[in-house]
């Protein structure tokens, strides 16, 4: 994966693509690997369509063109479409066929398993867990990267100011490390938005140290959950809005019908 640098000149990363509007309030995280797969497939499909249009004049060529169209729809839904959009109102998880809109007040935790997960609490409903196809995570690769970093650190004594035994940071070179940064960013933004809403409402006193996302083991970034728990499950929680994406469904259904008609013709 890869990330676009923001308007403030942040360095590029390799796990997610991040974009900002002029106010700096909208952040979009995507799988750069998925984008590459989509672009490569699209170029391949267009090249084959041109070749079929020039040389193909039979029924088999029509079937091949319809199959390419169907696979292109599937590639769009699974590689190009998934993303996470973070703005002032909350976070939107866009998956291949469904969109989930989650207000910051309802976000209790953001963590990683094989995918990024957003834990949601809604008034009068059971907690929900929304999985995002946009951010993938491999514990095995992260463990291997950490092990390599420890071995490299033990092999040097005082290079570039690192004392013997120090561990150089692998952040920015690891997809898993970047995924953890995204989790921290979303957790911190949820905590800040919830604290701001509580402060504006003036109904719950805020005391104690400022909540911050933990930087330890993945899956323990629960600063937002701690704040939400302190509110006692008040009525300010909002329902998670989930909806089917009809354009995404049409991107598969229409080519499939076209292929069926071509085969039966």
Protein backbone atom coordinates (compact mmCIF):
# COMPACT_ATOMS: atom_id res chain seq x y z
CA UNK A 1 0.00 0.00 0.00
CA UNK A 2 1.05 3.63 -0.36
CA UNK A 3 -0.04 6.97 0.99
CA UNK A 4 -0.13 10.39 -0.64
CA UNK A 5 1.53 13.13 1.39
CA UNK A 6 -0.74 15.78 2.86
CA UNK A 7 -0.67 19.48 2.13
CA UNK A 8 1.67 20.02 5.11
CA UNK A 9 4.45 18.09 3.41
CA UNK A 10 4.22 14.87 5.40
CA UNK A 11 6.43 12.09 4.01
CA UNK A 12 5.00 9.40 1.77
CA UNK A 13 4.19 5.98 3.26
CA UNK A 14 3.44 2.62 1.66
CA UNK A 15 0.27 1.36 3.32
CA UNK A 16 -2.57 3.78 2.68
CA UNK A 17 -3.37 6.67 0.43
CA UNK A 18 -4.35 9.80 2.37
CA UNK A 19 -5.98 12.92 0.94
CA UNK A 20 -7.11 16.15 2.59
CA UNK A 21 -9.48 18.90 1.61
CA UNK A 22 -8.47 22.54 1.93
CA UNK A 23 -9.66 22.70 5.53
CA UNK A 24 -7.63 19.60 6.40
CA UNK A 25 -10.67 17.84 7.87
CA UNK A 26 -11.26 14.99 5.42
CA UNK A 27 -8.86 12.06 5.35
CA UNK A 28 -9.19 9.13 2.96
CA UNK A 29 -7.33 5.87 3.51
CA UNK A 30 -7.08 3.35 0.68
CA UNK A 31 -5.07 0.29 -0.19
CA UNK A 32 -2.42 1.34 -2.68
CA UNK A 33 -1.98 -2.31 -3.58
CA UNK A 34 -5.66 -2.42 -4.51
CA UNK A 35 -5.28 0.72 -6.63
CA UNK A 36 -2.31 -0.80 -8.47
CA UNK A 37 -4.24 -4.02 -9.09
CA UNK A 38 -7.19 -2.00 -10.43
CA UNK A 39 -5.05 0.11 -12.78
CA UNK A 40 -3.11 -2.89 -14.10
CA UNK A 41 -6.29 -4.86 -14.70
CA UNK A 42 -8.01 -1.90 -16.37
CA UNK A 43 -5.10 -1.44 -18.78
CA UNK A 44 -5.10 -5.17 -19.50
CA UNK A 45 -8.86 -5.20 -20.12
CA UNK A 46 -8.80 -2.13 -22.37
CA UNK A 47 -5.96 -3.60 -24.41
CA UNK A 48 -7.86 -6.85 -24.89
CA UNK A 49 -11.10 -5.02 -25.80
CA UNK A 50 -9.22 -3.11 -28.49
CA UNK A 51 -7.70 -6.32 -29.79
CA UNK A 52 -11.10 -8.05 -29.83
CA UNK A 53 -12.69 -5.09 -31.60
CA UNK A 54 -10.02 -5.12 -34.30
CA UNK A 55 -9.57 -8.84 -34.85
CA UNK A 56 -12.53 -10.59 -33.24
CA UNK A 57 -15.72 -10.99 -35.23
CA UNK A 58 -17.11 -14.26 -33.88
CA UNK A 59 -19.27 -15.39 -30.97
CA UNK A 60 -16.25 -16.47 -28.92
CA UNK A 61 -14.82 -12.94 -29.07
CA UNK A 62 -18.12 -11.51 -27.82
CA UNK A 63 -18.09 -13.94 -24.88
CA UNK A 64 -14.48 -13.02 -24.07
CA UNK A 65 -15.35 -9.31 -24.12
CA UNK A 66 -18.29 -9.91 -21.78
CA UNK A 67 -16.11 -11.92 -19.40
CA UNK A 68 -13.59 -9.08 -19.32
CA UNK A 69 -16.40 -6.67 -18.49
CA UNK A 70 -17.60 -8.86 -15.61
CA UNK A 71 -14.13 -9.27 -14.14
CA UNK A 72 -13.61 -5.50 -14.46
CA UNK A 73 -16.73 -4.90 -12.37
CA UNK A 74 -15.49 -7.34 -9.72
CA UNK A 75 -12.03 -5.72 -9.71
CA UNK A 76 -13.59 -2.27 -9.27
CA UNK A 77 -15.68 -3.37 -6.28
CA UNK A 78 -12.93 -5.30 -4.52
CA UNK A 79 -9.79 -3.30 -5.38
CA UNK A 80 -10.75 0.27 -6.29
CA UNK A 81 -13.84 0.99 -4.21
CA UNK A 82 -12.89 0.06 -0.59
CA UNK A 83 -11.70 2.99 1.50
CA UNK A 84 -12.07 4.70 4.87
CA UNK A 85 -13.20 8.33 4.92
CA UNK A 86 -12.71 10.33 8.10
CA UNK A 87 -14.33 13.76 8.45
CA UNK A 88 -15.77 16.05 11.10
CA UNK A 89 -19.00 14.06 11.43
CA UNK A 90 -17.50 10.60 11.75
CA UNK A 91 -15.95 7.79 9.78
CA UNK A 92 -17.33 6.12 6.66
CA UNK A 93 -16.24 2.56 5.91
CA UNK A 94 -16.77 1.83 2.24
CA UNK A 95 -16.60 -1.89 1.47
CA UNK A 96 -17.13 -3.66 -1.88
CA UNK A 97 -20.94 -3.67 -1.72
CA UNK A 98 -21.92 -1.81 1.46
CA UNK A 99 -21.24 1.58 3.05
CA UNK A 100 -21.20 2.15 6.80
CA UNK A 101 -21.43 5.64 8.30
CA UNK A 102 -20.40 5.85 11.95
CA UNK A 103 -20.59 9.03 14.03
CA UNK A 104 -17.58 9.72 16.22
CA UNK A 105 -19.83 9.54 19.29
CA UNK A 106 -20.52 5.89 18.53
CA UNK A 107 -16.92 4.80 17.97
CA UNK A 108 -15.69 2.89 21.03
CA UNK A 109 -12.57 1.25 19.65
CA UNK A 110 -10.49 0.85 16.49
CA UNK A 111 -8.21 -2.17 16.18
CA UNK A 112 -6.62 -4.61 13.77
CA UNK A 113 -7.01 -8.30 13.11
CA UNK A 114 -6.60 -9.35 9.48
CA UNK A 115 -8.58 -6.20 8.63
CA UNK A 116 -9.09 -2.87 10.35
CA UNK A 117 -12.16 -2.99 12.62
CA UNK A 118 -14.32 -0.17 13.98
CA UNK A 119 -16.24 -1.05 17.14
CA UNK A 120 -19.50 0.85 17.52
CA UNK A 121 -21.90 1.37 20.42
CA UNK A 122 -25.43 2.57 19.65
CA UNK A 123 -28.20 3.50 22.05
CA UNK A 124 -30.59 0.62 22.66
CA UNK A 125 -28.75 -1.76 20.33
CA UNK A 126 -26.06 -4.39 20.61
CA UNK A 127 -22.50 -3.21 19.87
CA UNK A 128 -21.41 -3.67 16.27
CA UNK A 129 -18.06 -4.35 14.66
CA UNK A 130 -17.48 -3.01 11.15
CA UNK A 131 -14.63 -4.57 9.17
CA UNK A 132 -12.90 -2.48 6.52
CA UNK A 133 -11.58 -4.05 3.34
CA UNK A 134 -9.36 -1.02 2.76
CA UNK A 135 -6.72 -1.76 5.42
CA UNK A 136 -5.14 -5.19 5.70
CA UNK A 137 -2.81 -6.36 8.43
CA UNK A 138 -0.52 -9.37 8.82
CA UNK A 139 0.67 -10.14 12.35
CA UNK A 140 3.18 -12.61 10.93
CA UNK A 141 4.83 -9.99 8.71
CA UNK A 142 4.88 -7.47 11.55
CA UNK A 143 6.47 -10.01 13.90
CA UNK A 144 9.12 -10.81 11.26
CA UNK A 145 9.81 -7.09 10.73
CA UNK A 146 10.20 -6.54 14.48
CA UNK A 147 12.56 -9.51 14.72
CA UNK A 148 14.71 -8.17 11.87
CA UNK A 149 14.83 -4.74 13.52
CA UNK A 150 15.97 -6.28 16.82
CA UNK A 151 18.70 -8.30 15.08
CA UNK A 152 19.90 -5.21 13.20
CA UNK A 153 19.99 -3.23 16.43
CA UNK A 154 22.04 -5.87 18.21
CA UNK A 155 24.53 -5.84 15.33
CA UNK A 156 25.50 -2.20 15.73
CA UNK A 157 26.95 -0.37 18.69
CA UNK A 158 26.66 3.34 18.12
CA UNK A 159 25.86 4.04 14.50
CA UNK A 160 24.01 7.29 13.73
CA UNK A 161 23.58 7.98 17.41
CA UNK A 162 21.93 4.67 18.23
CA UNK A 163 23.42 3.08 21.34
CA UNK A 164 24.12 -0.63 21.40
CA UNK A 165 20.91 -2.59 21.63
CA UNK A 166 18.66 0.25 20.44
CA UNK A 167 15.93 -0.67 17.98
CA UNK A 168 15.62 1.50 14.88
CA UNK A 169 12.07 2.35 14.00
CA UNK A 170 10.57 0.42 11.11
CA UNK A 171 7.61 2.80 10.82
CA UNK A 172 7.15 4.11 7.31
CA UNK A 173 8.79 1.03 5.76
CA UNK A 174 6.23 -1.50 6.95
CA UNK A 175 2.65 -1.80 5.76
CA UNK A 176 1.70 -3.14 9.17
CA UNK A 177 3.34 -0.21 10.96
CA UNK A 178 1.42 2.21 8.75
CA UNK A 179 -1.82 0.34 9.46
CA UNK A 180 -1.15 0.84 13.18
CA UNK A 181 -0.67 4.56 12.53
CA UNK A 182 -4.07 4.69 10.85
CA UNK A 183 -5.63 2.96 13.86
CA UNK A 184 -4.04 5.49 16.22
CA UNK A 185 -5.15 8.39 14.03
CA UNK A 186 -8.77 7.24 13.95
CA UNK A 187 -8.77 6.46 17.68
CA UNK A 188 -7.37 9.86 18.58
CA UNK A 189 -9.82 11.66 16.30
CA UNK A 190 -12.76 9.78 17.82
CA UNK A 191 -11.57 10.63 21.33
CA UNK A 192 -11.09 14.30 20.47
CA UNK A 193 -14.52 14.56 18.81
CA UNK A 194 -16.23 12.89 21.76
CA UNK A 195 -14.46 15.11 24.28
CA UNK A 196 -15.40 18.20 22.27
CA UNK A 197 -19.05 17.14 22.17
CA UNK A 198 -19.11 16.48 25.92
CA UNK A 199 -17.46 19.82 26.59
CA UNK A 200 -19.94 21.62 24.33
CA UNK A 201 -22.88 19.87 25.98
CA UNK A 202 -21.63 20.72 29.45
CA UNK A 203 -23.40 17.71 30.98
CA UNK A 204 -20.41 15.63 32.02
CA UNK A 205 -17.39 17.05 33.87
CA UNK A 206 -14.04 16.22 32.30
CA UNK A 207 -11.35 15.45 34.85
CA UNK A 208 -8.11 13.58 34.99
CA UNK A 209 -5.38 13.32 32.41
CA UNK A 210 -6.09 13.80 28.75
CA UNK A 211 -7.06 10.61 26.99
CA UNK A 212 -4.68 9.48 24.27
CA UNK A 213 -4.51 6.48 22.02
CA UNK A 214 -2.20 3.82 23.35
CA UNK A 215 0.92 3.03 21.39
CA UNK A 216 1.43 -0.51 22.64
CA UNK A 217 0.04 -3.76 21.34
CA UNK A 218 -2.33 -3.53 18.39
CA UNK A 219 -5.94 -4.00 19.52
CA UNK A 220 -5.52 -1.95 22.71
CA UNK A 221 -6.12 1.45 21.18
CA UNK A 222 -9.21 2.05 23.25
CA UNK A 223 -9.01 5.66 24.40
CA UNK A 224 -12.35 6.30 22.73
CA UNK A 225 -13.85 3.32 24.52
CA UNK A 226 -12.68 4.68 27.87
CA UNK A 227 -14.32 8.03 27.20
CA UNK A 228 -17.54 6.44 25.97
CA UNK A 229 -17.64 4.28 29.07
CA UNK A 230 -17.33 7.34 31.30
CA UNK A 231 -20.50 8.70 29.68
CA UNK A 232 -22.58 5.81 30.91
CA UNK A 233 -24.19 5.03 27.55
CA UNK A 234 -26.15 8.24 27.26
CA UNK A 235 -28.64 9.07 24.55
CA UNK A 236 -26.09 10.96 22.49
CA UNK A 237 -25.04 7.75 20.74
CA UNK A 238 -26.22 7.56 17.15
CA UNK A 239 -27.16 4.51 15.09
CA UNK A 240 -24.72 3.13 12.56
CA UNK A 241 -26.10 3.77 9.09
CA UNK A 242 -25.40 0.90 6.73
CA UNK A 243 -26.64 0.74 3.17
CA UNK A 244 -26.10 -1.30 0.04
CA UNK A 245 -24.27 0.50 -2.73
CA UNK A 246 -26.45 0.01 -5.78
CA UNK A 247 -23.82 1.31 -8.25
CA UNK A 248 -21.37 -1.26 -6.86
CA UNK A 249 -23.96 -4.01 -7.18
CA UNK A 250 -24.80 -2.87 -10.71
CA UNK A 251 -21.09 -3.03 -11.61
CA UNK A 252 -21.36 -6.81 -11.20
CA UNK A 253 -24.99 -7.58 -12.00
CA UNK A 254 -25.17 -5.74 -15.34
CA UNK A 255 -22.01 -7.36 -16.80
CA UNK A 256 -23.25 -10.74 -15.54
CA UNK A 257 -26.55 -10.26 -17.39
CA UNK A 258 -24.68 -9.14 -20.48
CA UNK A 259 -22.52 -12.26 -20.33
CA UNK A 260 -25.60 -14.45 -19.92
CA UNK A 261 -27.30 -12.87 -22.93
CA UNK A 262 -24.17 -13.23 -25.06
CA UNK A 263 -23.75 -16.89 -24.11
CA UNK A 264 -27.41 -17.66 -24.87
CA UNK A 265 -27.41 -15.69 -28.13
